Amino acid sequence: MGPANRLSFEISSFHYARQVCFTQDRTALAGLGKRCVDYLRLATGYPVSKAAAAPVFFQMLRPTRVPAERSFVMGIHERRGANGEAGDPLVGILYFLHPPSGPGTWYLTLLLLEPAVRGRNLGTEIHRAFARWAAARGANRFVVAVATNNPRALRFWRHRLGYGEAKLDTWAVPPPKCANLNFERYLEPALFHAS
């Protein structure tokens, strides 16, 4: 898939999301994995070195049990140029799954930001922009699984974004190796008419 065919959406005047191409974006993804080694250690439950971070990160982003047509990884880029140029750094990812057919529930598998941009409200901005974008494509509910050993993420999803306890659909992703709590949020009706 060439850059012109990638999915994308605007987050703010400083950030945008563009679908990752694993061959073209490999170096940027490897760098992000190394910068997010703290998350990789938390998610895997074992010490991950910076040298091993890239392969572990790629494995997390390319699960074999999820069909490619339902699995999307969006790169979160910091805008340096006027039009979102190739040199814009990758500062995070949003990984999501959508249902096999029709509107409905979308699964937010991972929203990860590098440490340098955490705590600046960017996660909330990403969620807001993604909700508008997804609602325009048929989403009416988001479900997220949050690792119980990640209190920062639990606070973010439950308290900052207002997610409540979820009942999962039957086609959901197989359970991960670590314990998760599942949360859901229905999208506001106003989003369905946003452009």
N, C-alpha and C. Protein backbone atom coordinates (compact mmCIF):
# COMPACT_ATOMS: atom_id res chain seq x y z
N MET A 1 0.85 -1.17 0.00
CA MET A 1 0.00 0.00 0.00
C MET A 1 0.89 1.23 0.00
N GLY A 2 0.72 2.10 -0.95
CA GLY A 2 1.50 3.32 -1.04
C GLY A 2 0.99 4.38 -0.08
N PRO A 3 1.80 5.41 0.18
CA PRO A 3 1.39 6.46 1.12
C PRO A 3 0.06 7.12 0.75
N ALA A 4 -0.23 7.27 -0.52
CA ALA A 4 -1.47 7.94 -0.93
C ALA A 4 -2.71 7.11 -0.59
N ASN A 5 -2.57 5.79 -0.45
CA ASN A 5 -3.72 4.91 -0.18
C ASN A 5 -3.94 4.63 1.30
N ARG A 6 -3.11 5.17 2.17
CA ARG A 6 -3.23 4.88 3.59
C ARG A 6 -4.40 5.65 4.21
N LEU A 7 -5.02 5.02 5.19
CA LEU A 7 -6.04 5.70 5.98
C LEU A 7 -5.36 6.78 6.81
N SER A 8 -6.07 7.87 7.07
CA SER A 8 -5.49 8.92 7.90
C SER A 8 -6.59 9.79 8.48
N PHE A 9 -6.27 10.49 9.55
CA PHE A 9 -7.17 11.48 10.11
C PHE A 9 -6.34 12.52 10.87
N GLU A 10 -6.90 13.72 10.95
CA GLU A 10 -6.27 14.82 11.66
C GLU A 10 -6.59 14.70 13.15
N ILE A 11 -5.60 14.98 13.98
CA ILE A 11 -5.80 14.98 15.43
C ILE A 11 -5.87 16.42 15.92
N SER A 12 -4.90 17.23 15.53
CA SER A 12 -4.84 18.64 15.89
C SER A 12 -3.95 19.33 14.87
N SER A 13 -3.68 20.59 15.07
CA SER A 13 -2.77 21.27 14.15
C SER A 13 -1.33 20.79 14.34
N PHE A 14 -1.06 20.05 15.43
CA PHE A 14 0.28 19.57 15.71
C PHE A 14 0.47 18.08 15.47
N HIS A 15 -0.61 17.32 15.34
CA HIS A 15 -0.51 15.86 15.22
C HIS A 15 -1.53 15.32 14.22
N TYR A 16 -1.19 14.22 13.58
CA TYR A 16 -2.10 13.52 12.70
C TYR A 16 -1.82 12.03 12.79
N ALA A 17 -2.77 11.23 12.34
CA ALA A 17 -2.63 9.77 12.33
C ALA A 17 -2.64 9.29 10.88
N ARG A 18 -1.75 8.36 10.56
CA ARG A 18 -1.70 7.78 9.23
C ARG A 18 -1.42 6.28 9.39
N GLN A 19 -2.12 5.48 8.61
CA GLN A 19 -1.97 4.03 8.69
C GLN A 19 -0.53 3.64 8.45
N VAL A 20 -0.06 2.73 9.26
CA VAL A 20 1.31 2.24 9.18
C VAL A 20 1.45 1.27 8.01
N CYS A 21 2.54 1.38 7.29
CA CYS A 21 2.96 0.39 6.30
C CYS A 21 4.20 -0.27 6.88
N PHE A 22 4.10 -1.54 7.23
CA PHE A 22 5.16 -2.20 7.98
C PHE A 22 6.49 -2.26 7.23
N THR A 23 6.47 -2.21 5.92
CA THR A 23 7.75 -2.21 5.19
C THR A 23 8.33 -0.80 5.14
N GLN A 24 7.55 0.18 4.76
CA GLN A 24 8.05 1.54 4.64
C GLN A 24 8.32 2.21 5.99
N ASP A 25 7.56 1.86 7.01
CA ASP A 25 7.68 2.51 8.32
C ASP A 25 8.47 1.68 9.33
N ARG A 26 9.15 0.66 8.87
CA ARG A 26 9.84 -0.27 9.77
C ARG A 26 10.85 0.42 10.69
N THR A 27 11.66 1.31 10.16
CA THR A 27 12.68 1.99 10.96
C THR A 27 12.03 2.87 12.03
N ALA A 28 11.00 3.62 11.65
CA ALA A 28 10.31 4.49 12.61
C ALA A 28 9.63 3.66 13.70
N LEU A 29 9.02 2.53 13.33
CA LEU A 29 8.38 1.65 14.32
C LEU A 29 9.41 1.05 15.27
N ALA A 30 10.55 0.64 14.74
CA ALA A 30 11.60 0.07 15.58
C ALA A 30 12.07 1.10 16.60
N GLY A 31 12.23 2.34 16.17
CA GLY A 31 12.63 3.41 17.08
C GLY A 31 11.58 3.65 18.16
N LEU A 32 10.31 3.64 17.77
CA LEU A 32 9.24 3.83 18.74
C LEU A 32 9.25 2.69 19.76
N GLY A 33 9.44 1.46 19.29
CA GLY A 33 9.50 0.32 20.20
C GLY A 33 10.61 0.48 21.23
N LYS A 34 11.77 0.96 20.80
CA LYS A 34 12.89 1.17 21.72
C LYS A 34 12.57 2.28 22.73
N ARG A 35 11.90 3.33 22.28
CA ARG A 35 11.55 4.42 23.19
C ARG A 35 10.45 4.01 24.18
N CYS A 36 9.67 2.99 23.81
CA CYS A 36 8.56 2.54 24.66
C CYS A 36 8.87 1.22 25.35
N VAL A 37 10.14 0.98 25.63
CA VAL A 37 10.54 -0.27 26.27
C VAL A 37 9.88 -0.43 27.64
N ASP A 38 9.54 0.67 28.31
CA ASP A 38 8.83 0.58 29.59
C ASP A 38 7.48 -0.13 29.42
N TYR A 39 6.76 0.21 28.35
CA TYR A 39 5.48 -0.44 28.08
C TYR A 39 5.68 -1.91 27.71
N LEU A 40 6.68 -2.20 26.90
CA LEU A 40 6.93 -3.59 26.48
C LEU A 40 7.22 -4.47 27.69
N ARG A 41 7.97 -3.95 28.63
CA ARG A 41 8.25 -4.71 29.86
C ARG A 41 6.96 -4.97 30.63
N LEU A 42 6.10 -3.96 30.72
CA LEU A 42 4.83 -4.10 31.42
C LEU A 42 3.92 -5.10 30.72
N ALA A 43 3.83 -5.00 29.40
CA ALA A 43 2.91 -5.85 28.63
C ALA A 43 3.35 -7.30 28.58
N THR A 44 4.66 -7.53 28.49
CA THR A 44 5.14 -8.91 28.38
C THR A 44 5.37 -9.58 29.72
N GLY A 45 5.62 -8.76 30.74
CA GLY A 45 5.88 -9.32 32.06
C GLY A 45 7.31 -9.80 32.26
N TYR A 46 8.18 -9.50 31.32
CA TYR A 46 9.58 -9.87 31.49
C TYR A 46 10.47 -8.72 31.01
N PRO A 47 11.73 -8.70 31.46
CA PRO A 47 12.61 -7.60 31.06
C PRO A 47 12.89 -7.63 29.56
N VAL A 48 12.63 -6.53 28.91
CA VAL A 48 12.90 -6.38 27.48
C VAL A 48 13.98 -5.32 27.34
N SER A 49 15.08 -5.68 26.70
CA SER A 49 16.15 -4.72 26.49
C SER A 49 15.82 -3.84 25.29
N LYS A 50 16.50 -2.71 25.18
CA LYS A 50 16.28 -1.85 24.01
C LYS A 50 16.66 -2.59 22.73
N ALA A 51 17.67 -3.46 22.80
CA ALA A 51 18.08 -4.22 21.62
C ALA A 51 16.99 -5.19 21.16
N ALA A 52 16.23 -5.73 22.11
CA ALA A 52 15.17 -6.70 21.78
C ALA A 52 13.81 -6.02 21.58
N ALA A 53 13.74 -4.71 21.81
CA ALA A 53 12.45 -4.02 21.79
C ALA A 53 11.76 -4.08 20.44
N ALA A 54 12.48 -3.86 19.36
CA ALA A 54 11.85 -3.80 18.04
C ALA A 54 11.15 -5.12 17.67
N PRO A 55 11.82 -6.28 17.78
CA PRO A 55 11.10 -7.52 17.44
C PRO A 55 9.88 -7.79 18.32
N VAL A 56 9.98 -7.47 19.60
CA VAL A 56 8.85 -7.67 20.51
C VAL A 56 7.70 -6.74 20.10
N PHE A 57 8.03 -5.50 19.78
CA PHE A 57 7.03 -4.52 19.37
C PHE A 57 6.34 -4.95 18.08
N PHE A 58 7.13 -5.40 17.08
CA PHE A 58 6.54 -5.85 15.82
C PHE A 58 5.62 -7.04 16.04
N GLN A 59 6.00 -7.95 16.91
CA GLN A 59 5.16 -9.11 17.19
C GLN A 59 3.82 -8.68 17.80
N MET A 60 3.85 -7.67 18.65
CA MET A 60 2.61 -7.17 19.27
C MET A 60 1.68 -6.54 18.23
N LEU A 61 2.27 -5.92 17.21
CA LEU A 61 1.49 -5.19 16.22
C LEU A 61 1.03 -6.04 15.06
N ARG A 62 1.53 -7.26 14.95
CA ARG A 62 1.15 -8.12 13.82
C ARG A 62 0.70 -9.48 14.31
N PRO A 63 -0.41 -9.53 15.04
CA PRO A 63 -0.88 -10.82 15.55
C PRO A 63 -1.32 -11.72 14.41
N THR A 64 -1.09 -12.99 14.57
CA THR A 64 -1.43 -13.95 13.51
C THR A 64 -2.89 -14.40 13.59
N ARG A 65 -3.56 -14.15 14.71
CA ARG A 65 -4.93 -14.64 14.88
C ARG A 65 -5.99 -13.64 14.44
N VAL A 66 -5.59 -12.46 13.97
CA VAL A 66 -6.55 -11.44 13.57
C VAL A 66 -6.42 -11.21 12.07
N PRO A 67 -7.50 -11.35 11.31
CA PRO A 67 -7.43 -11.12 9.86
C PRO A 67 -6.98 -9.70 9.54
N ALA A 68 -6.12 -9.57 8.56
CA ALA A 68 -5.53 -8.27 8.19
C ALA A 68 -6.59 -7.24 7.82
N GLU A 69 -7.70 -7.67 7.22
CA GLU A 69 -8.72 -6.70 6.81
C GLU A 69 -9.50 -6.13 7.99
N ARG A 70 -9.28 -6.62 9.19
CA ARG A 70 -9.96 -6.09 10.39
C ARG A 70 -8.99 -5.41 11.35
N SER A 71 -7.71 -5.47 11.06
CA SER A 71 -6.68 -5.01 11.98
C SER A 71 -5.94 -3.82 11.37
N PHE A 72 -5.90 -2.70 12.09
CA PHE A 72 -5.28 -1.49 11.58
C PHE A 72 -4.37 -0.86 12.63
N VAL A 73 -3.19 -0.46 12.20
CA VAL A 73 -2.27 0.26 13.07
C VAL A 73 -2.08 1.64 12.46
N MET A 74 -2.44 2.65 13.24
CA MET A 74 -2.27 4.03 12.81
C MET A 74 -1.07 4.61 13.53
N GLY A 75 -0.16 5.21 12.78
CA GLY A 75 0.96 5.90 13.38
C GLY A 75 0.54 7.30 13.79
N ILE A 76 0.92 7.71 14.98
CA ILE A 76 0.65 9.07 15.45
C ILE A 76 1.91 9.88 15.17
N HIS A 77 1.77 10.91 14.35
CA HIS A 77 2.91 11.71 13.92
C HIS A 77 2.83 13.13 14.46
N GLU A 78 3.98 13.66 14.84
CA GLU A 78 4.08 15.06 15.22
C GLU A 78 4.36 15.85 13.95
N ARG A 79 3.52 16.81 13.67
CA ARG A 79 3.63 17.57 12.43
C ARG A 79 4.80 18.56 12.54
N ARG A 80 5.76 18.38 11.65
CA ARG A 80 6.89 19.31 11.57
C ARG A 80 6.77 20.18 10.32
N GLY A 81 6.31 19.57 9.23
CA GLY A 81 6.12 20.30 7.99
C GLY A 81 4.68 20.77 7.86
N ALA A 82 4.42 21.59 6.90
CA ALA A 82 3.08 22.16 6.72
C ALA A 82 2.05 21.13 6.30
N ASN A 83 2.45 20.11 5.56
CA ASN A 83 1.48 19.17 4.99
C ASN A 83 1.63 17.73 5.48
N GLY A 84 2.28 17.50 6.59
CA GLY A 84 2.47 16.13 7.04
C GLY A 84 3.45 15.40 6.17
N GLU A 85 4.70 15.76 6.28
CA GLU A 85 5.72 15.24 5.39
C GLU A 85 6.38 13.98 5.94
N ALA A 86 7.17 13.34 5.11
CA ALA A 86 7.81 12.08 5.47
C ALA A 86 8.72 12.22 6.69
N GLY A 87 9.26 13.42 6.96
CA GLY A 87 10.15 13.61 8.09
C GLY A 87 9.46 13.81 9.42
N ASP A 88 8.13 13.81 9.44
CA ASP A 88 7.41 14.00 10.70
C ASP A 88 7.63 12.79 11.60
N PRO A 89 8.10 13.01 12.83
CA PRO A 89 8.43 11.87 13.69
C PRO A 89 7.19 11.09 14.15
N LEU A 90 7.39 9.79 14.31
CA LEU A 90 6.37 8.89 14.84
C LEU A 90 6.47 8.95 16.36
N VAL A 91 5.40 9.39 17.04
CA VAL A 91 5.44 9.53 18.49
C VAL A 91 4.50 8.56 19.20
N GLY A 92 3.75 7.78 18.43
CA GLY A 92 2.84 6.82 19.05
C GLY A 92 2.10 6.01 18.00
N ILE A 93 1.27 5.10 18.50
CA ILE A 93 0.43 4.30 17.61
C ILE A 93 -0.95 4.11 18.22
N LEU A 94 -1.91 3.91 17.36
CA LEU A 94 -3.26 3.52 17.73
C LEU A 94 -3.57 2.27 16.93
N TYR A 95 -3.78 1.17 17.62
CA TYR A 95 -4.05 -0.11 16.98
C TYR A 95 -5.50 -0.45 17.27
N PHE A 96 -6.30 -0.72 16.22
CA PHE A 96 -7.71 -1.01 16.42
C PHE A 96 -8.18 -2.12 15.49
N LEU A 97 -9.30 -2.72 15.87
CA LEU A 97 -9.96 -3.76 15.08
C LEU A 97 -11.39 -3.33 14.87
N HIS A 98 -11.93 -3.64 13.70
CA HIS A 98 -13.35 -3.37 13.48
C HIS A 98 -14.07 -4.67 13.16
N PRO A 99 -15.39 -4.69 13.35
CA PRO A 99 -16.14 -5.93 13.19
C PRO A 99 -16.13 -6.43 11.75
N PRO A 100 -16.43 -7.72 11.57
CA PRO A 100 -16.39 -8.32 10.23
C PRO A 100 -17.38 -7.70 9.25
N SER A 101 -18.49 -7.19 9.73
CA SER A 101 -19.45 -6.59 8.79
C SER A 101 -20.31 -5.56 9.51
N GLY A 102 -20.66 -4.55 8.78
CA GLY A 102 -21.61 -3.57 9.29
C GLY A 102 -21.08 -2.67 10.39
N PRO A 103 -21.93 -1.77 10.87
CA PRO A 103 -21.55 -0.85 11.92
C PRO A 103 -21.48 -1.57 13.26
N GLY A 104 -20.95 -0.91 14.23
CA GLY A 104 -20.98 -1.49 15.55
C GLY A 104 -19.75 -1.24 16.36
N THR A 105 -19.32 -2.28 17.04
CA THR A 105 -18.24 -2.19 18.01
C THR A 105 -16.88 -2.26 17.34
N TRP A 106 -16.03 -1.34 17.70
CA TRP A 106 -14.63 -1.36 17.29
C TRP A 106 -13.80 -1.59 18.55
N TYR A 107 -12.72 -2.37 18.42
CA TYR A 107 -11.86 -2.71 19.55
C TYR A 107 -10.56 -1.91 19.47
N LEU A 108 -10.30 -1.13 20.52
CA LEU A 108 -9.07 -0.37 20.60
C LEU A 108 -8.05 -1.26 21.31
N THR A 109 -7.16 -1.83 20.54
CA THR A 109 -6.21 -2.80 21.06
C THR A 109 -5.05 -2.13 21.79
N LEU A 110 -4.60 -1.00 21.27
CA LEU A 110 -3.47 -0.32 21.90
C LEU A 110 -3.41 1.14 21.48
N LEU A 111 -3.31 2.00 22.46
CA LEU A 111 -2.98 3.41 22.24
C LEU A 111 -1.71 3.63 23.04
N LEU A 112 -0.60 3.84 22.35
CA LEU A 112 0.70 3.93 22.99
C LEU A 112 1.42 5.18 22.50
N LEU A 113 1.91 5.97 23.45
CA LEU A 113 2.67 7.17 23.14
C LEU A 113 4.05 7.04 23.76
N GLU A 114 5.04 7.59 23.07
CA GLU A 114 6.39 7.55 23.63
C GLU A 114 6.43 8.42 24.89
N PRO A 115 7.34 8.12 25.82
CA PRO A 115 7.39 8.84 27.09
C PRO A 115 7.49 10.36 26.96
N ALA A 116 8.17 10.86 25.95
CA ALA A 116 8.38 12.31 25.80
C ALA A 116 7.08 13.08 25.56
N VAL A 117 6.03 12.43 25.07
CA VAL A 117 4.78 13.14 24.79
C VAL A 117 3.63 12.72 25.71
N ARG A 118 3.89 11.83 26.64
CA ARG A 118 2.84 11.42 27.58
C ARG A 118 2.54 12.54 28.57
N GLY A 119 1.32 12.54 29.10
CA GLY A 119 0.95 13.51 30.12
C GLY A 119 0.67 14.90 29.57
N ARG A 120 0.46 15.04 28.27
CA ARG A 120 0.21 16.35 27.66
C ARG A 120 -1.16 16.43 27.00
N ASN A 121 -2.06 15.53 27.36
CA ASN A 121 -3.42 15.50 26.84
C ASN A 121 -3.52 14.97 25.40
N LEU A 122 -2.41 14.50 24.84
CA LEU A 122 -2.43 14.00 23.47
C LEU A 122 -3.31 12.76 23.34
N GLY A 123 -3.28 11.87 24.32
CA GLY A 123 -4.12 10.67 24.27
C GLY A 123 -5.60 11.01 24.17
N THR A 124 -6.03 12.01 24.92
CA THR A 124 -7.42 12.46 24.86
C THR A 124 -7.75 13.05 23.50
N GLU A 125 -6.83 13.85 22.95
CA GLU A 125 -7.03 14.43 21.62
C GLU A 125 -7.12 13.34 20.56
N ILE A 126 -6.26 12.34 20.66
CA ILE A 126 -6.30 11.22 19.70
C ILE A 126 -7.65 10.52 19.78
N HIS A 127 -8.10 10.22 21.00
CA HIS A 127 -9.37 9.52 21.17
C HIS A 127 -10.52 10.33 20.58
N ARG A 128 -10.55 11.62 20.83
CA ARG A 128 -11.61 12.48 20.32
C ARG A 128 -11.63 12.48 18.79
N ALA A 129 -10.46 12.66 18.18
CA ALA A 129 -10.38 12.68 16.71
C ALA A 129 -10.71 11.31 16.12
N PHE A 130 -10.23 10.25 16.76
CA PHE A 130 -10.49 8.91 16.26
C PHE A 130 -11.98 8.57 16.39
N ALA A 131 -12.63 9.00 17.46
CA ALA A 131 -14.06 8.74 17.64
C ALA A 131 -14.86 9.39 16.52
N ARG A 132 -14.54 10.62 16.16
CA ARG A 132 -15.24 11.28 15.04
C ARG A 132 -15.01 10.51 13.74
N TRP A 133 -13.77 10.14 13.49
CA TRP A 133 -13.38 9.44 12.27
C TRP A 133 -14.07 8.06 12.20
N ALA A 134 -14.05 7.32 13.31
CA ALA A 134 -14.64 5.98 13.34
C ALA A 134 -16.17 6.03 13.23
N ALA A 135 -16.80 7.02 13.88
CA ALA A 135 -18.26 7.15 13.80
C ALA A 135 -18.70 7.40 12.36
N ALA A 136 -17.91 8.16 11.62
CA ALA A 136 -18.23 8.41 10.21
C ALA A 136 -18.12 7.13 9.37
N ARG A 137 -17.49 6.10 9.92
CA ARG A 137 -17.31 4.83 9.23
C ARG A 137 -18.12 3.70 9.86
N GLY A 138 -19.08 4.05 10.71
CA GLY A 138 -20.01 3.05 11.23
C GLY A 138 -19.80 2.61 12.66
N ALA A 139 -18.78 3.10 13.34
CA ALA A 139 -18.57 2.70 14.74
C ALA A 139 -19.62 3.37 15.62
N ASN A 140 -20.15 2.61 16.57
CA ASN A 140 -21.05 3.23 17.55
C ASN A 140 -20.64 2.90 18.99
N ARG A 141 -19.62 2.04 19.13
CA ARG A 141 -19.13 1.68 20.47
C ARG A 141 -17.66 1.30 20.35
N PHE A 142 -16.88 1.71 21.33
CA PHE A 142 -15.48 1.27 21.45
C PHE A 142 -15.37 0.35 22.65
N VAL A 143 -14.56 -0.69 22.51
CA VAL A 143 -14.21 -1.57 23.63
C VAL A 143 -12.70 -1.60 23.72
N VAL A 144 -12.19 -1.53 24.94
CA VAL A 144 -10.76 -1.58 25.17
C VAL A 144 -10.48 -2.58 26.30
N ALA A 145 -9.42 -3.36 26.14
CA ALA A 145 -8.95 -4.25 27.20
C ALA A 145 -7.71 -3.62 27.80
N VAL A 146 -7.73 -3.41 29.11
CA VAL A 146 -6.63 -2.74 29.80
C VAL A 146 -6.01 -3.72 30.79
N ALA A 147 -4.70 -3.86 30.71
CA ALA A 147 -3.99 -4.76 31.61
C ALA A 147 -4.15 -4.30 33.06
N THR A 148 -4.44 -5.22 33.94
CA THR A 148 -4.66 -4.88 35.34
C THR A 148 -3.37 -4.37 36.00
N ASN A 149 -2.22 -4.69 35.42
CA ASN A 149 -0.96 -4.23 35.99
C ASN A 149 -0.52 -2.87 35.43
N ASN A 150 -1.45 -2.15 34.79
CA ASN A 150 -1.14 -0.85 34.20
C ASN A 150 -2.07 0.22 34.78
N PRO A 151 -1.79 0.70 36.01
CA PRO A 151 -2.70 1.64 36.66
C PRO A 151 -2.86 2.96 35.90
N ARG A 152 -1.81 3.40 35.23
CA ARG A 152 -1.92 4.65 34.46
C ARG A 152 -2.95 4.51 33.34
N ALA A 153 -2.91 3.38 32.63
CA ALA A 153 -3.88 3.15 31.56
C ALA A 153 -5.28 2.97 32.12
N LEU A 154 -5.42 2.30 33.25
CA LEU A 154 -6.74 2.15 33.87
C LEU A 154 -7.34 3.51 34.21
N ARG A 155 -6.54 4.41 34.77
CA ARG A 155 -7.02 5.76 35.08
C ARG A 155 -7.41 6.51 33.81
N PHE A 156 -6.59 6.37 32.77
CA PHE A 156 -6.86 7.07 31.52
C PHE A 156 -8.20 6.65 30.93
N TRP A 157 -8.41 5.34 30.76
CA TRP A 157 -9.63 4.86 30.09
C TRP A 157 -10.87 5.06 30.95
N ARG A 158 -10.77 4.76 32.23
CA ARG A 158 -11.96 4.84 33.09
C ARG A 158 -12.28 6.26 33.51
N HIS A 159 -11.29 6.97 34.00
CA HIS A 159 -11.57 8.27 34.61
C HIS A 159 -11.47 9.43 33.64
N ARG A 160 -10.47 9.43 32.81
CA ARG A 160 -10.33 10.55 31.88
C ARG A 160 -11.33 10.45 30.73
N LEU A 161 -11.48 9.23 30.17
CA LEU A 161 -12.35 9.08 29.00
C LEU A 161 -13.75 8.55 29.33
N GLY A 162 -13.98 8.13 30.56
CA GLY A 162 -15.32 7.73 30.97
C GLY A 162 -15.79 6.38 30.49
N TYR A 163 -14.88 5.43 30.28
CA TYR A 163 -15.28 4.08 29.88
C TYR A 163 -15.83 3.33 31.10
N GLY A 164 -16.83 2.48 30.85
CA GLY A 164 -17.40 1.63 31.89
C GLY A 164 -17.15 0.17 31.59
N GLU A 165 -17.50 -0.69 32.52
CA GLU A 165 -17.29 -2.13 32.35
C GLU A 165 -18.01 -2.64 31.11
N ALA A 166 -17.36 -3.53 30.37
CA ALA A 166 -17.88 -3.98 29.07
C ALA A 166 -18.36 -5.41 29.10
N LYS A 167 -19.33 -5.68 28.21
CA LYS A 167 -19.72 -7.05 27.87
C LYS A 167 -19.20 -7.28 26.46
N LEU A 168 -18.39 -8.30 26.28
CA LEU A 168 -17.72 -8.49 25.00
C LEU A 168 -18.56 -9.25 23.99
N ASP A 169 -18.35 -8.92 22.72
CA ASP A 169 -18.99 -9.62 21.61
C ASP A 169 -18.27 -10.94 21.37
N THR A 170 -18.89 -11.81 20.60
CA THR A 170 -18.32 -13.13 20.38
C THR A 170 -17.12 -13.14 19.45
N TRP A 171 -16.97 -12.15 18.57
CA TRP A 171 -15.85 -12.20 17.63
C TRP A 171 -14.60 -11.53 18.16
N ALA A 172 -14.62 -11.10 19.43
CA ALA A 172 -13.49 -10.37 20.01
C ALA A 172 -12.19 -11.18 19.90
N VAL A 173 -11.10 -10.47 20.01
CA VAL A 173 -9.77 -11.06 19.92
C VAL A 173 -9.59 -12.07 21.05
N PRO A 174 -8.87 -13.18 20.79
CA PRO A 174 -8.62 -14.15 21.86
C PRO A 174 -7.93 -13.48 23.05
N PRO A 175 -8.16 -13.96 24.26
CA PRO A 175 -7.62 -13.30 25.43
C PRO A 175 -6.09 -13.30 25.44
N PRO A 176 -5.50 -12.19 25.92
CA PRO A 176 -4.04 -12.12 25.99
C PRO A 176 -3.50 -12.93 27.16
N LYS A 177 -2.18 -12.97 27.26
CA LYS A 177 -1.54 -13.75 28.31
C LYS A 177 -1.67 -13.10 29.69
N CYS A 178 -1.78 -11.77 29.75
CA CYS A 178 -1.90 -11.10 31.05
C CYS A 178 -3.37 -10.81 31.34
N ALA A 179 -3.67 -10.56 32.61
CA ALA A 179 -5.04 -10.29 33.03
C ALA A 179 -5.48 -8.90 32.56
N ASN A 180 -6.66 -8.82 31.98
CA ASN A 180 -7.21 -7.56 31.49
C ASN A 180 -8.58 -7.30 32.08
N LEU A 181 -8.91 -6.03 32.13
CA LEU A 181 -10.27 -5.59 32.40
C LEU A 181 -10.80 -4.99 31.10
N ASN A 182 -12.03 -5.30 30.76
CA ASN A 182 -12.62 -4.79 29.52
C ASN A 182 -13.56 -3.64 29.82
N PHE A 183 -13.39 -2.55 29.07
CA PHE A 183 -14.20 -1.37 29.24
C PHE A 183 -14.83 -0.99 27.91
N GLU A 184 -15.96 -0.29 27.98
CA GLU A 184 -16.64 0.14 26.76
C GLU A 184 -17.11 1.57 26.90
N ARG A 185 -17.33 2.17 25.75
CA ARG A 185 -17.92 3.51 25.70
C ARG A 185 -18.70 3.62 24.41
N TYR A 186 -19.96 4.02 24.52
CA TYR A 186 -20.77 4.26 23.34
C TYR A 186 -20.45 5.67 22.83
N LEU A 187 -20.40 5.81 21.52
CA LEU A 187 -20.06 7.09 20.93
C LEU A 187 -21.27 8.02 20.97
N GLU A 188 -21.01 9.28 21.19
CA GLU A 188 -22.09 10.28 21.26
C GLU A 188 -22.78 10.38 19.92
N PRO A 189 -24.13 10.48 19.90
CA PRO A 189 -24.86 10.56 18.62
C PRO A 189 -24.40 11.72 17.73
N ALA A 190 -23.93 12.81 18.32
CA ALA A 190 -23.49 13.96 17.51
C ALA A 190 -22.33 13.59 16.59
N LEU A 191 -21.54 12.59 16.98
CA LEU A 191 -20.40 12.18 16.15
C LEU A 191 -20.83 11.55 14.84
N PHE A 192 -22.02 10.96 14.81
CA PHE A 192 -22.46 10.27 13.59
C PHE A 192 -22.76 11.24 12.46
N HIS A 193 -22.93 12.50 12.79
CA HIS A 193 -23.23 13.50 11.77
C HIS A 193 -22.05 14.43 11.50
N ALA A 194 -20.94 14.20 12.23
CA ALA A 194 -19.75 15.05 12.04
C ALA A 194 -19.08 14.67 10.73
N SER A 195 -18.46 15.62 10.11
CA SER A 195 -17.77 15.33 8.85
C SER A 195 -16.30 15.16 9.08
